[in-house]
């Protein structure tokens, strides 16, 4: 079965799930040849007993357009997460979670999937774009950032801090990286 690379970006009001809420998430499903086979996004109601982290909320004040975008058309996680699982299962292959950084985004998505659906179609693994960059470019991990990633991997897609926009952009970048690596 082919792999489908599910580039995912989340927006949250704090550093960890449970204590803080995932406000929004977006996923863009790509085949290895950069064919976009589908997208999914949802803005979520906050968890009933969660807090807002002061430093995160200070950052949100600098992003009013993204904040407004993630606070419209709110859904209960109990509704959105089962719909997300159904979407993942409908993809034309085995879903692979891809993110930059995967450790942050996957932590929230995994927690929400297990909490609200009891399962995670990604299993217990995520593909981190920064780690993949390290392997392909042979650069030290701590030296990799968006300024040191080869510019030919970026498509002209703006990074808006709106989850679906960012998932589409990083997914296209990952596919560009994958193609260059597979063809070298």
Protein backbone atom coordinates (compact mmCIF):
# COMPACT_ATOMS: atom_id res chain seq x y z
CA UNK A 1 0.00 0.00 0.00
CA UNK A 2 1.39 3.42 -0.91
CA UNK A 3 2.12 6.02 1.72
CA UNK A 4 0.19 9.26 1.87
CA UNK A 5 2.12 12.09 3.50
CA UNK A 6 -0.27 14.00 5.75
CA UNK A 7 1.40 17.35 6.35
CA UNK A 8 -0.16 18.75 9.50
CA UNK A 9 0.07 22.02 11.35
CA UNK A 10 -1.62 22.92 14.60
CA UNK A 11 -2.23 26.12 16.51
CA UNK A 12 -2.56 26.05 20.29
CA UNK A 13 -2.84 28.32 23.31
CA UNK A 14 0.00 26.68 25.21
CA UNK A 15 2.95 24.29 25.03
CA UNK A 16 1.33 20.91 25.85
CA UNK A 17 -2.01 19.21 25.22
CA UNK A 18 -4.46 18.64 28.04
CA UNK A 19 -3.32 21.55 30.18
CA UNK A 20 -3.75 23.75 27.11
CA UNK A 21 -5.96 23.48 24.03
CA UNK A 22 -5.37 22.81 20.37
CA UNK A 23 -7.19 25.73 18.79
CA UNK A 24 -6.96 24.69 15.16
CA UNK A 25 -5.39 22.04 12.96
CA UNK A 26 -5.02 21.53 9.26
CA UNK A 27 -3.80 18.59 7.22
CA UNK A 28 -2.84 18.38 3.56
CA UNK A 29 -2.49 14.84 2.17
CA UNK A 30 0.13 14.42 -0.54
CA UNK A 31 1.35 11.53 -2.63
CA UNK A 32 5.13 11.30 -3.05
CA UNK A 33 4.87 12.98 -6.48
CA UNK A 34 3.37 16.09 -4.79
CA UNK A 35 -0.20 15.32 -5.85
CA UNK A 36 -2.47 16.92 -3.25
CA UNK A 37 -5.20 14.31 -2.65
CA UNK A 38 -7.16 16.16 0.01
CA UNK A 39 -7.25 18.54 2.92
CA UNK A 40 -8.92 18.64 6.32
CA UNK A 41 -9.09 21.43 8.86
CA UNK A 42 -11.02 22.31 11.97
CA UNK A 43 -11.13 25.08 14.54
CA UNK A 44 -11.77 23.64 17.96
CA UNK A 45 -13.49 24.77 21.11
CA UNK A 46 -11.08 24.92 24.01
CA UNK A 47 -10.91 22.11 26.56
CA UNK A 48 -13.17 22.77 29.56
CA UNK A 49 -10.46 22.76 32.25
CA UNK A 50 -7.56 24.03 30.13
CA UNK A 51 -5.64 27.26 30.62
CA UNK A 52 -4.08 29.80 28.28
CA UNK A 53 -0.31 30.11 28.55
CA UNK A 54 0.68 33.79 29.01
CA UNK A 55 3.68 33.67 26.64
CA UNK A 56 1.65 31.92 23.95
CA UNK A 57 -1.16 34.43 24.31
CA UNK A 58 1.35 37.30 24.02
CA UNK A 59 2.52 35.75 20.73
CA UNK A 60 -1.09 35.47 19.52
CA UNK A 61 -1.50 39.23 20.07
CA UNK A 62 1.08 39.71 17.30
CA UNK A 63 -0.98 37.51 14.94
CA UNK A 64 -4.48 39.05 14.88
CA UNK A 65 -5.46 37.70 11.44
CA UNK A 66 -4.42 34.12 12.33
CA UNK A 67 -6.10 34.42 15.75
CA UNK A 68 -9.37 35.53 14.14
CA UNK A 69 -9.14 32.70 11.60
CA UNK A 70 -8.71 29.99 14.25
CA UNK A 71 -11.52 31.30 16.45
CA UNK A 72 -14.32 31.17 13.84
CA UNK A 73 -16.64 28.22 13.12
CA UNK A 74 -15.61 26.38 16.27
CA UNK A 75 -16.32 22.67 16.63
CA UNK A 76 -16.28 20.43 19.66
CA UNK A 77 -13.25 18.10 19.60
CA UNK A 78 -15.69 15.21 20.17
CA UNK A 79 -17.14 15.96 16.72
CA UNK A 80 -14.05 17.07 14.77
CA UNK A 81 -11.65 14.29 15.76
CA UNK A 82 -13.86 11.35 14.65
CA UNK A 83 -14.44 13.18 11.35
CA UNK A 84 -10.66 13.54 11.01
CA UNK A 85 -10.16 9.80 11.61
CA UNK A 86 -12.75 9.01 8.94
CA UNK A 87 -10.99 11.38 6.52
CA UNK A 88 -7.60 9.77 7.26
CA UNK A 89 -9.05 6.31 6.67
CA UNK A 90 -10.51 7.45 3.34
CA UNK A 91 -7.11 8.46 1.94
CA UNK A 92 -5.69 6.34 -0.93
CA UNK A 93 -2.92 4.79 1.16
CA UNK A 94 -1.35 4.49 4.58
CA UNK A 95 -1.21 7.91 6.30
CA UNK A 96 2.19 9.17 7.45
CA UNK A 97 2.15 12.21 9.76
CA UNK A 98 4.56 14.91 8.53
CA UNK A 99 5.27 18.22 10.28
CA UNK A 100 7.81 20.91 11.11
CA UNK A 101 8.39 20.38 13.99
CA UNK A 102 6.71 17.01 14.26
CA UNK A 103 7.34 16.71 17.99
CA UNK A 104 5.03 19.65 18.76
CA UNK A 105 2.27 19.11 16.20
CA UNK A 106 2.13 15.33 16.63
CA UNK A 107 1.98 15.61 20.41
CA UNK A 108 -1.27 17.59 20.16
CA UNK A 109 -2.83 15.58 17.33
CA UNK A 110 -1.99 12.24 18.95
CA UNK A 111 -3.37 13.35 22.33
CA UNK A 112 -6.60 14.65 20.79
CA UNK A 113 -7.05 11.55 18.62
CA UNK A 114 -6.60 9.17 21.55
CA UNK A 115 -8.64 11.34 23.91
CA UNK A 116 -11.61 11.79 21.57
CA UNK A 117 -11.55 8.70 19.33
CA UNK A 118 -9.49 6.08 21.18
CA UNK A 119 -7.22 5.54 18.15
CA UNK A 120 -4.52 7.08 16.01
CA UNK A 121 -4.36 6.07 12.32
CA UNK A 122 -0.74 7.31 12.26
CA UNK A 123 0.26 4.72 14.87
CA UNK A 124 2.90 6.10 17.25
CA UNK A 125 5.16 7.78 14.71
CA UNK A 126 5.67 11.09 12.93
CA UNK A 127 8.07 12.18 10.22
CA UNK A 128 9.89 15.36 11.21
CA UNK A 129 10.86 17.66 8.32
CA UNK A 130 13.76 19.15 10.30
CA UNK A 131 15.24 15.70 10.97
CA UNK A 132 14.75 14.72 7.34
CA UNK A 133 16.55 17.94 6.32
CA UNK A 134 19.45 17.00 8.61
CA UNK A 135 19.74 13.58 6.95
CA UNK A 136 19.54 14.92 3.39
CA UNK A 137 21.80 17.96 3.80
CA UNK A 138 24.19 16.43 6.34
CA UNK A 139 23.93 19.58 8.49
CA UNK A 140 23.92 19.49 12.30
CA UNK A 141 20.37 19.39 13.66
CA UNK A 142 20.64 22.62 15.67
CA UNK A 143 21.82 24.54 12.59
CA UNK A 144 18.70 23.72 10.60
CA UNK A 145 16.00 26.35 10.37
CA UNK A 146 13.92 27.86 7.59
CA UNK A 147 16.83 30.13 6.63
CA UNK A 148 19.28 27.23 6.22
CA UNK A 149 16.92 24.85 4.38
CA UNK A 150 17.74 24.89 0.64
CA UNK A 151 15.50 27.52 -0.94
CA UNK A 152 14.65 25.33 -3.97
CA UNK A 153 12.57 23.17 -1.62
CA UNK A 154 10.15 26.02 -0.86
CA UNK A 155 7.12 26.67 -3.05
CA UNK A 156 5.86 30.27 -3.08
CA UNK A 157 3.22 29.57 -0.44
CA UNK A 158 3.05 32.14 2.39
CA UNK A 159 3.41 31.00 6.00
CA UNK A 160 0.35 32.60 7.63
CA UNK A 161 0.00 30.74 10.97
CA UNK A 162 -3.38 29.58 9.68
CA UNK A 163 -3.11 25.82 10.16
CA UNK A 164 -4.29 24.62 6.74
CA UNK A 165 -2.23 27.21 4.85
CA UNK A 166 0.90 26.17 6.72
CA UNK A 167 0.16 22.44 6.29
CA UNK A 168 -0.13 22.91 2.52
CA UNK A 169 3.12 24.87 2.36
CA UNK A 170 5.16 22.50 4.47
CA UNK A 171 3.70 19.49 2.64
CA UNK A 172 4.77 20.89 -0.73
CA UNK A 173 8.23 21.57 0.73
CA UNK A 174 8.45 18.01 2.06
CA UNK A 175 7.52 16.56 -1.34
CA UNK A 176 10.17 18.72 -3.02
CA UNK A 177 12.74 17.43 -0.52
CA UNK A 178 11.58 13.86 -1.01
CA UNK A 179 11.80 14.06 -4.79
CA UNK A 180 15.27 15.61 -4.74
CA UNK A 181 16.50 13.01 -2.28
CA UNK A 182 14.98 10.07 -4.17
CA UNK A 183 16.38 11.30 -7.50
CA UNK A 184 19.94 11.97 -6.27
